[in-house]
mmCIF file of all heavy atoms, coordinates in Angstrom:
data_MODEL
# 
_entry.id   MODEL 
# 
loop_
_atom_site.group_PDB 
_atom_site.id 
_atom_site.type_symbol 
_atom_site.label_atom_id 
_atom_site.label_alt_id 
_atom_site.label_comp_id 
_atom_site.label_asym_id 
_atom_site.label_entity_id 
_atom_site.label_seq_id 
_atom_site.pdbx_PDB_ins_code 
_atom_site.Cartn_x 
_atom_site.Cartn_y 
_atom_site.Cartn_z 
_atom_site.occupancy 
_atom_site.B_iso_or_equiv 
_atom_site.pdbx_formal_charge 
_atom_site.auth_seq_id 
_atom_site.auth_comp_id 
_atom_site.auth_asym_id 
_atom_site.auth_atom_id 
_atom_site.pdbx_PDB_model_num 
ATOM 1   N N   . PRO A 1 1  ? -7.592  7.133  5.770   1.00 0.00 ? 1  PRO A N   1 
ATOM 2   C CA  . PRO A 1 1  ? -7.002  5.882  6.264   1.00 0.00 ? 1  PRO A CA  1 
ATOM 3   C C   . PRO A 1 1  ? -7.131  5.833  7.791   1.00 0.00 ? 1  PRO A C   1 
ATOM 4   O O   . PRO A 1 1  ? -6.949  6.836  8.469   1.00 0.00 ? 1  PRO A O   1 
ATOM 5   C CB  . PRO A 1 1  ? -5.520  5.992  5.873   1.00 0.00 ? 1  PRO A CB  1 
ATOM 6   C CG  . PRO A 1 1  ? -5.426  7.101  4.915   1.00 0.00 ? 1  PRO A CG  1 
ATOM 7   C CD  . PRO A 1 1  ? -6.628  7.968  5.080   1.00 0.00 ? 1  PRO A CD  1 
ATOM 8   N N   . THR A 1 2  ? -7.485  4.682  8.337   1.00 0.00 ? 2  THR A N   1 
ATOM 9   C CA  . THR A 1 2  ? -7.720  4.590  9.767   1.00 0.00 ? 2  THR A CA  1 
ATOM 10  C C   . THR A 1 2  ? -6.515  4.022  10.492  1.00 0.00 ? 2  THR A C   1 
ATOM 11  O O   . THR A 1 2  ? -5.897  3.068  10.051  1.00 0.00 ? 2  THR A O   1 
ATOM 12  C CB  . THR A 1 2  ? -8.941  3.705  10.073  1.00 0.00 ? 2  THR A CB  1 
ATOM 13  O OG1 . THR A 1 2  ? -8.731  2.413  9.523   1.00 0.00 ? 2  THR A OG1 1 
ATOM 14  C CG2 . THR A 1 2  ? -10.195 4.309  9.508   1.00 0.00 ? 2  THR A CG2 1 
ATOM 15  N N   . PHE A 1 3  ? -6.203  4.643  11.591  1.00 0.00 ? 3  PHE A N   1 
ATOM 16  C CA  . PHE A 1 3  ? -5.150  4.177  12.490  1.00 0.00 ? 3  PHE A CA  1 
ATOM 17  C C   . PHE A 1 3  ? -5.768  3.629  13.765  1.00 0.00 ? 3  PHE A C   1 
ATOM 18  O O   . PHE A 1 3  ? -5.233  2.738  14.386  1.00 0.00 ? 3  PHE A O   1 
ATOM 19  C CB  . PHE A 1 3  ? -4.190  5.327  12.799  1.00 0.00 ? 3  PHE A CB  1 
ATOM 20  C CG  . PHE A 1 3  ? -2.941  4.891  13.496  1.00 0.00 ? 3  PHE A CG  1 
ATOM 21  C CD1 . PHE A 1 3  ? -1.953  4.220  12.813  1.00 0.00 ? 3  PHE A CD1 1 
ATOM 22  C CD2 . PHE A 1 3  ? -2.773  5.137  14.836  1.00 0.00 ? 3  PHE A CD2 1 
ATOM 23  C CE1 . PHE A 1 3  ? -0.809  3.796  13.462  1.00 0.00 ? 3  PHE A CE1 1 
ATOM 24  C CE2 . PHE A 1 3  ? -1.634  4.732  15.488  1.00 0.00 ? 3  PHE A CE2 1 
ATOM 25  C CZ  . PHE A 1 3  ? -0.643  4.062  14.799  1.00 0.00 ? 3  PHE A CZ  1 
ATOM 26  N N   . VAL A 1 4  ? -6.918  4.182  14.141  1.00 0.00 ? 4  VAL A N   1 
ATOM 27  C CA  . VAL A 1 4  ? -7.667  3.710  15.296  1.00 0.00 ? 4  VAL A CA  1 
ATOM 28  C C   . VAL A 1 4  ? -8.632  2.644  14.801  1.00 0.00 ? 4  VAL A C   1 
ATOM 29  O O   . VAL A 1 4  ? -9.453  2.918  13.924  1.00 0.00 ? 4  VAL A O   1 
ATOM 30  C CB  . VAL A 1 4  ? -8.433  4.865  15.980  1.00 0.00 ? 4  VAL A CB  1 
ATOM 31  C CG1 . VAL A 1 4  ? -9.270  4.363  17.127  1.00 0.00 ? 4  VAL A CG1 1 
ATOM 32  C CG2 . VAL A 1 4  ? -7.470  5.949  16.429  1.00 0.00 ? 4  VAL A CG2 1 
ATOM 33  N N   . PRO A 1 5  ? -8.574  1.422  15.313  1.00 0.00 ? 5  PRO A N   1 
ATOM 34  C CA  . PRO A 1 5  ? -9.442  0.356  14.817  1.00 0.00 ? 5  PRO A CA  1 
ATOM 35  C C   . PRO A 1 5  ? -10.918 0.691  14.994  1.00 0.00 ? 5  PRO A C   1 
ATOM 36  O O   . PRO A 1 5  ? -11.349 1.190  16.030  1.00 0.00 ? 5  PRO A O   1 
ATOM 37  C CB  . PRO A 1 5  ? -9.054  -0.842 15.690  1.00 0.00 ? 5  PRO A CB  1 
ATOM 38  C CG  . PRO A 1 5  ? -7.715  -0.523 16.239  1.00 0.00 ? 5  PRO A CG  1 
ATOM 39  C CD  . PRO A 1 5  ? -7.646  0.962  16.342  1.00 0.00 ? 5  PRO A CD  1 
ATOM 40  N N   . GLY A 1 6  ? -11.700 0.419  13.955  1.00 0.00 ? 6  GLY A N   1 
ATOM 41  C CA  . GLY A 1 6  ? -13.138 0.617  14.003  1.00 0.00 ? 6  GLY A CA  1 
ATOM 42  C C   . GLY A 1 6  ? -13.608 2.028  13.701  1.00 0.00 ? 6  GLY A C   1 
ATOM 43  O O   . GLY A 1 6  ? -14.801 2.284  13.655  1.00 0.00 ? 6  GLY A O   1 
ATOM 44  N N   . LEU A 1 7  ? -12.710 2.941  13.465  1.00 0.00 ? 7  LEU A N   1 
ATOM 45  C CA  . LEU A 1 7  ? -13.077 4.333  13.203  1.00 0.00 ? 7  LEU A CA  1 
ATOM 46  C C   . LEU A 1 7  ? -13.128 4.564  11.696  1.00 0.00 ? 7  LEU A C   1 
ATOM 47  O O   . LEU A 1 7  ? -12.151 4.299  10.989  1.00 0.00 ? 7  LEU A O   1 
ATOM 48  C CB  . LEU A 1 7  ? -12.058 5.275  13.845  1.00 0.00 ? 7  LEU A CB  1 
ATOM 49  C CG  . LEU A 1 7  ? -12.357 6.761  13.805  1.00 0.00 ? 7  LEU A CG  1 
ATOM 50  C CD1 . LEU A 1 7  ? -13.620 7.060  14.610  1.00 0.00 ? 7  LEU A CD1 1 
ATOM 51  C CD2 . LEU A 1 7  ? -11.200 7.549  14.357  1.00 0.00 ? 7  LEU A CD2 1 
ATOM 52  N N   . VAL A 1 8  ? -14.270 5.015  11.193  1.00 0.00 ? 8  VAL A N   1 
ATOM 53  C CA  . VAL A 1 8  ? -14.443 5.291  9.767   1.00 0.00 ? 8  VAL A CA  1 
ATOM 54  C C   . VAL A 1 8  ? -14.747 6.772  9.612   1.00 0.00 ? 8  VAL A C   1 
ATOM 55  O O   . VAL A 1 8  ? -15.718 7.278  10.179  1.00 0.00 ? 8  VAL A O   1 
ATOM 56  C CB  . VAL A 1 8  ? -15.584 4.444  9.173   1.00 0.00 ? 8  VAL A CB  1 
ATOM 57  C CG1 . VAL A 1 8  ? -15.804 4.786  7.716   1.00 0.00 ? 8  VAL A CG1 1 
ATOM 58  C CG2 . VAL A 1 8  ? -15.297 2.959  9.343   1.00 0.00 ? 8  VAL A CG2 1 
ATOM 59  N N   . ILE A 1 9  ? -13.911 7.467  8.839   1.00 0.00 ? 9  ILE A N   1 
ATOM 60  C CA  . ILE A 1 9  ? -14.089 8.904  8.627   1.00 0.00 ? 9  ILE A CA  1 
ATOM 61  C C   . ILE A 1 9  ? -14.102 9.173  7.120   1.00 0.00 ? 9  ILE A C   1 
ATOM 62  O O   . ILE A 1 9  ? -13.193 8.757  6.417   1.00 0.00 ? 9  ILE A O   1 
ATOM 63  C CB  . ILE A 1 9  ? -12.964 9.718  9.287   1.00 0.00 ? 9  ILE A CB  1 
ATOM 64  C CG1 . ILE A 1 9  ? -12.883 9.425  10.780  1.00 0.00 ? 9  ILE A CG1 1 
ATOM 65  C CG2 . ILE A 1 9  ? -13.171 11.208 9.053   1.00 0.00 ? 9  ILE A CG2 1 
ATOM 66  C CD1 . ILE A 1 9  ? -11.698 10.045 11.459  1.00 0.00 ? 9  ILE A CD1 1 
ATOM 67  N N   . ASP A 1 10 ? -15.123 9.864  6.674   1.00 0.00 ? 10 ASP A N   1 
ATOM 68  C CA  . ASP A 1 10 ? -15.215 10.298 5.275   1.00 0.00 ? 10 ASP A CA  1 
ATOM 69  C C   . ASP A 1 10 ? -14.970 11.802 5.210   1.00 0.00 ? 10 ASP A C   1 
ATOM 70  O O   . ASP A 1 10 ? -15.374 12.540 6.112   1.00 0.00 ? 10 ASP A O   1 
ATOM 71  C CB  . ASP A 1 10 ? -16.588 9.981  4.682   1.00 0.00 ? 10 ASP A CB  1 
ATOM 72  C CG  . ASP A 1 10 ? -16.823 8.489  4.545   1.00 0.00 ? 10 ASP A CG  1 
ATOM 73  O OD1 . ASP A 1 10 ? -15.857 7.763  4.256   1.00 0.00 ? 10 ASP A OD1 1 
ATOM 74  O OD2 . ASP A 1 10 ? -17.971 8.049  4.730   1.00 0.00 ? 10 ASP A OD2 1 
ATOM 75  N N   . VAL A 1 11 ? -14.307 12.231 4.142   1.00 0.00 ? 11 VAL A N   1 
ATOM 76  C CA  . VAL A 1 11 ? -14.078 13.660 3.940   1.00 0.00 ? 11 VAL A CA  1 
ATOM 77  C C   . VAL A 1 11 ? -14.684 14.079 2.606   1.00 0.00 ? 11 VAL A C   1 
ATOM 78  O O   . VAL A 1 11 ? -14.798 13.276 1.684   1.00 0.00 ? 11 VAL A O   1 
ATOM 79  C CB  . VAL A 1 11 ? -12.577 14.021 3.979   1.00 0.00 ? 11 VAL A CB  1 
ATOM 80  C CG1 . VAL A 1 11 ? -12.004 13.827 5.350   1.00 0.00 ? 11 VAL A CG1 1 
ATOM 81  C CG2 . VAL A 1 11 ? -11.790 13.252 2.959   1.00 0.00 ? 11 VAL A CG2 1 
ATOM 82  N N   . SER A 1 12 ? -15.051 15.328 2.526   1.00 0.00 ? 12 SER A N   1 
ATOM 83  C CA  . SER A 1 12 ? -15.607 15.902 1.309   1.00 0.00 ? 12 SER A CA  1 
ATOM 84  C C   . SER A 1 12 ? -15.186 17.360 1.228   1.00 0.00 ? 12 SER A C   1 
ATOM 85  O O   . SER A 1 12 ? -15.338 18.102 2.210   1.00 0.00 ? 12 SER A O   1 
ATOM 86  C CB  . SER A 1 12 ? -17.131 15.789 1.328   1.00 0.00 ? 12 SER A CB  1 
ATOM 87  O OG  . SER A 1 12 ? -17.673 16.396 0.176   1.00 0.00 ? 12 SER A OG  1 
ATOM 88  N N   . GLN A 1 13 ? -14.652 17.744 0.084   1.00 0.00 ? 13 GLN A N   1 
ATOM 89  C CA  . GLN A 1 13 ? -14.234 19.133 -0.124  1.00 0.00 ? 13 GLN A CA  1 
ATOM 90  C C   . GLN A 1 13 ? -14.830 19.627 -1.442  1.00 0.00 ? 13 GLN A C   1 
ATOM 91  O O   . GLN A 1 13 ? -14.843 18.898 -2.444  1.00 0.00 ? 13 GLN A O   1 
ATOM 92  C CB  . GLN A 1 13 ? -12.713 19.254 -0.169  1.00 0.00 ? 13 GLN A CB  1 
ATOM 93  C CG  . GLN A 1 13 ? -12.046 19.018 1.164   1.00 0.00 ? 13 GLN A CG  1 
ATOM 94  C CD  . GLN A 1 13 ? -12.334 20.128 2.153   1.00 0.00 ? 13 GLN A CD  1 
ATOM 95  O OE1 . GLN A 1 13 ? -12.480 21.285 1.786   1.00 0.00 ? 13 GLN A OE1 1 
ATOM 96  N NE2 . GLN A 1 13 ? -12.425 19.762 3.409   1.00 0.00 ? 13 GLN A NE2 1 
ATOM 97  N N   . THR A 1 14 ? -15.299 20.856 -1.433  1.00 0.00 ? 14 THR A N   1 
ATOM 98  C CA  . THR A 1 14 ? -15.925 21.450 -2.610  1.00 0.00 ? 14 THR A CA  1 
ATOM 99  C C   . THR A 1 14 ? -15.199 22.737 -2.963  1.00 0.00 ? 14 THR A C   1 
ATOM 100 O O   . THR A 1 14 ? -14.855 23.527 -2.079  1.00 0.00 ? 14 THR A O   1 
ATOM 101 C CB  . THR A 1 14 ? -17.409 21.754 -2.336  1.00 0.00 ? 14 THR A CB  1 
ATOM 102 O OG1 . THR A 1 14 ? -18.052 20.533 -1.977  1.00 0.00 ? 14 THR A OG1 1 
ATOM 103 C CG2 . THR A 1 14 ? -18.083 22.347 -3.543  1.00 0.00 ? 14 THR A CG2 1 
ATOM 104 N N   . VAL A 1 15 ? -14.973 22.925 -4.257  1.00 0.00 ? 15 VAL A N   1 
ATOM 105 C CA  . VAL A 1 15 ? -14.339 24.152 -4.762  1.00 0.00 ? 15 VAL A CA  1 
ATOM 106 C C   . VAL A 1 15 ? -15.250 24.749 -5.815  1.00 0.00 ? 15 VAL A C   1 
ATOM 107 O O   . VAL A 1 15 ? -15.742 24.051 -6.701  1.00 0.00 ? 15 VAL A O   1 
ATOM 108 C CB  . VAL A 1 15 ? -12.941 23.852 -5.361  1.00 0.00 ? 15 VAL A CB  1 
ATOM 109 C CG1 . VAL A 1 15 ? -12.394 25.065 -6.066  1.00 0.00 ? 15 VAL A CG1 1 
ATOM 110 C CG2 . VAL A 1 15 ? -11.995 23.386 -4.276  1.00 0.00 ? 15 VAL A CG2 1 
ATOM 111 N N   . GLN A 1 16 ? -15.489 26.052 -5.714  1.00 0.00 ? 16 GLN A N   1 
ATOM 112 C CA  . GLN A 1 16 ? -16.237 26.778 -6.734  1.00 0.00 ? 16 GLN A CA  1 
ATOM 113 C C   . GLN A 1 16 ? -15.286 27.758 -7.398  1.00 0.00 ? 16 GLN A C   1 
ATOM 114 O O   . GLN A 1 16 ? -14.490 28.411 -6.731  1.00 0.00 ? 16 GLN A O   1 
ATOM 115 C CB  . GLN A 1 16 ? -17.399 27.550 -6.133  1.00 0.00 ? 16 GLN A CB  1 
ATOM 116 C CG  . GLN A 1 16 ? -18.535 26.675 -5.703  1.00 0.00 ? 16 GLN A CG  1 
ATOM 117 C CD  . GLN A 1 16 ? -19.713 27.498 -5.220  1.00 0.00 ? 16 GLN A CD  1 
ATOM 118 O OE1 . GLN A 1 16 ? -19.584 28.697 -4.955  1.00 0.00 ? 16 GLN A OE1 1 
ATOM 119 N NE2 . GLN A 1 16 ? -20.855 26.860 -5.114  1.00 0.00 ? 16 GLN A NE2 1 
ATOM 120 N N   . ALA A 1 17 ? -15.396 27.843 -8.711  1.00 0.00 ? 17 ALA A N   1 
ATOM 121 C CA  . ALA A 1 17 ? -14.553 28.766 -9.470  1.00 0.00 ? 17 ALA A CA  1 
ATOM 122 C C   . ALA A 1 17 ? -15.377 29.332 -10.614 1.00 0.00 ? 17 ALA A C   1 
ATOM 123 O O   . ALA A 1 17 ? -16.255 28.653 -11.143 1.00 0.00 ? 17 ALA A O   1 
ATOM 124 C CB  . ALA A 1 17 ? -13.315 28.039 -10.005 1.00 0.00 ? 17 ALA A CB  1 
ATOM 125 N N   . PRO A 1 18 ? -15.083 30.557 -11.006 1.00 0.00 ? 18 PRO A N   1 
ATOM 126 C CA  . PRO A 1 18 ? -15.813 31.120 -12.152 1.00 0.00 ? 18 PRO A CA  1 
ATOM 127 C C   . PRO A 1 18 ? -15.382 30.441 -13.443 1.00 0.00 ? 18 PRO A C   1 
ATOM 128 O O   . PRO A 1 18 ? -14.212 30.124 -13.645 1.00 0.00 ? 18 PRO A O   1 
ATOM 129 C CB  . PRO A 1 18 ? -15.431 32.596 -12.150 1.00 0.00 ? 18 PRO A CB  1 
ATOM 130 C CG  . PRO A 1 18 ? -14.152 32.662 -11.398 1.00 0.00 ? 18 PRO A CG  1 
ATOM 131 C CD  . PRO A 1 18 ? -14.156 31.517 -10.432 1.00 0.00 ? 18 PRO A CD  1 
ATOM 132 N N   . ALA A 1 19 ? -16.346 30.210 -14.313 1.00 0.00 ? 19 ALA A N   1 
ATOM 133 C CA  . ALA A 1 19 ? -16.052 29.635 -15.623 1.00 0.00 ? 19 ALA A CA  1 
ATOM 134 C C   . ALA A 1 19 ? -15.460 30.712 -16.505 1.00 0.00 ? 19 ALA A C   1 
ATOM 135 O O   . ALA A 1 19 ? -15.956 31.854 -16.539 1.00 0.00 ? 19 ALA A O   1 
ATOM 136 C CB  . ALA A 1 19 ? -17.304 29.063 -16.256 1.00 0.00 ? 19 ALA A CB  1 
ATOM 137 N N   . GLU A 1 20 ? -14.382 30.393 -17.173 1.00 0.00 ? 20 GLU A N   1 
ATOM 138 C CA  . GLU A 1 20 ? -13.756 31.374 -18.064 1.00 0.00 ? 20 GLU A CA  1 
ATOM 139 C C   . GLU A 1 20 ? -14.547 31.445 -19.360 1.00 0.00 ? 20 GLU A C   1 
ATOM 140 O O   . GLU A 1 20 ? -14.937 30.426 -19.924 1.00 0.00 ? 20 GLU A O   1 
ATOM 141 C CB  . GLU A 1 20 ? -12.297 30.984 -18.349 1.00 0.00 ? 20 GLU A CB  1 
ATOM 142 C CG  . GLU A 1 20 ? -11.434 31.067 -17.100 1.00 0.00 ? 20 GLU A CG  1 
ATOM 143 C CD  . GLU A 1 20 ? -10.001 30.689 -17.387 1.00 0.00 ? 20 GLU A CD  1 
ATOM 144 O OE1 . GLU A 1 20 ? -9.653  30.414 -18.558 1.00 0.00 ? 20 GLU A OE1 1 
ATOM 145 O OE2 . GLU A 1 20 ? -9.218  30.656 -16.433 1.00 0.00 ? 20 GLU A OE2 1 
ATOM 146 N N   . LYS A 1 21 ? -14.783 32.652 -19.815 1.00 0.00 ? 21 LYS A N   1 
ATOM 147 C CA  . LYS A 1 21 ? -15.552 32.850 -21.029 1.00 0.00 ? 21 LYS A CA  1 
ATOM 148 C C   . LYS A 1 21 ? -14.897 33.968 -21.812 1.00 0.00 ? 21 LYS A C   1 
ATOM 149 O O   . LYS A 1 21 ? -14.585 35.037 -21.273 1.00 0.00 ? 21 LYS A O   1 
ATOM 150 C CB  . LYS A 1 21 ? -16.981 33.240 -20.671 1.00 0.00 ? 21 LYS A CB  1 
ATOM 151 C CG  . LYS A 1 21 ? -17.893 33.367 -21.856 1.00 0.00 ? 21 LYS A CG  1 
ATOM 152 C CD  . LYS A 1 21 ? -19.230 33.915 -21.417 1.00 0.00 ? 21 LYS A CD  1 
ATOM 153 C CE  . LYS A 1 21 ? -20.247 32.809 -21.424 1.00 0.00 ? 21 LYS A CE  1 
ATOM 154 N NZ  . LYS A 1 21 ? -21.597 33.315 -21.144 1.00 0.00 ? 21 LYS A NZ  1 
ATOM 155 N N   . PHE A 1 22 ? -14.610 33.700 -23.080 1.00 0.00 ? 22 PHE A N   1 
ATOM 156 C CA  . PHE A 1 22 ? -13.990 34.712 -23.922 1.00 0.00 ? 22 PHE A CA  1 
ATOM 157 C C   . PHE A 1 22 ? -15.084 35.648 -24.453 1.00 0.00 ? 22 PHE A C   1 
ATOM 158 O O   . PHE A 1 22 ? -16.068 35.227 -25.042 1.00 0.00 ? 22 PHE A O   1 
ATOM 159 C CB  . PHE A 1 22 ? -13.253 34.060 -25.103 1.00 0.00 ? 22 PHE A CB  1 
ATOM 160 C CG  . PHE A 1 22 ? -12.643 35.062 -26.021 1.00 0.00 ? 22 PHE A CG  1 
ATOM 161 C CD1 . PHE A 1 22 ? -11.528 35.771 -25.629 1.00 0.00 ? 22 PHE A CD1 1 
ATOM 162 C CD2 . PHE A 1 22 ? -13.211 35.313 -27.262 1.00 0.00 ? 22 PHE A CD2 1 
ATOM 163 C CE1 . PHE A 1 22 ? -10.969 36.708 -26.484 1.00 0.00 ? 22 PHE A CE1 1 
ATOM 164 C CE2 . PHE A 1 22 ? -12.649 36.246 -28.106 1.00 0.00 ? 22 PHE A CE2 1 
ATOM 165 C CZ  . PHE A 1 22 ? -11.538 36.948 -27.719 1.00 0.00 ? 22 PHE A CZ  1 
ATOM 166 N N   . ILE A 1 23 ? -14.859 36.932 -24.222 1.00 0.00 ? 23 ILE A N   1 
ATOM 167 C CA  . ILE A 1 23 ? -15.782 37.952 -24.724 1.00 0.00 ? 23 ILE A CA  1 
ATOM 168 C C   . ILE A 1 23 ? -14.966 38.889 -25.609 1.00 0.00 ? 23 ILE A C   1 
ATOM 169 O O   . ILE A 1 23 ? -13.951 39.463 -25.160 1.00 0.00 ? 23 ILE A O   1 
ATOM 170 C CB  . ILE A 1 23 ? -16.429 38.755 -23.579 1.00 0.00 ? 23 ILE A CB  1 
ATOM 171 C CG1 . ILE A 1 23 ? -17.243 37.779 -22.716 1.00 0.00 ? 23 ILE A CG1 1 
ATOM 172 C CG2 . ILE A 1 23 ? -17.302 39.863 -24.114 1.00 0.00 ? 23 ILE A CG2 1 
ATOM 173 C CD1 . ILE A 1 23 ? -17.832 38.431 -21.478 1.00 0.00 ? 23 ILE A CD1 1 
ATOM 174 N N   . ALA A 1 24 ? -15.384 39.037 -26.854 1.00 0.00 ? 24 ALA A N   1 
ATOM 175 C CA  . ALA A 1 24 ? -14.662 39.903 -27.808 1.00 0.00 ? 24 ALA A CA  1 
ATOM 176 C C   . ALA A 1 24 ? -14.810 41.358 -27.379 1.00 0.00 ? 24 ALA A C   1 
ATOM 177 O O   . ALA A 1 24 ? -15.881 41.804 -26.984 1.00 0.00 ? 24 ALA A O   1 
ATOM 178 C CB  . ALA A 1 24 ? -15.176 39.712 -29.219 1.00 0.00 ? 24 ALA A CB  1 
# 
């Protein structure tokens, strides 16, 4: 959200996690 007129800021966040896999 912009408070300063004319300012456009985009954000991007990435998360990596191990996939859970059941192994007998």
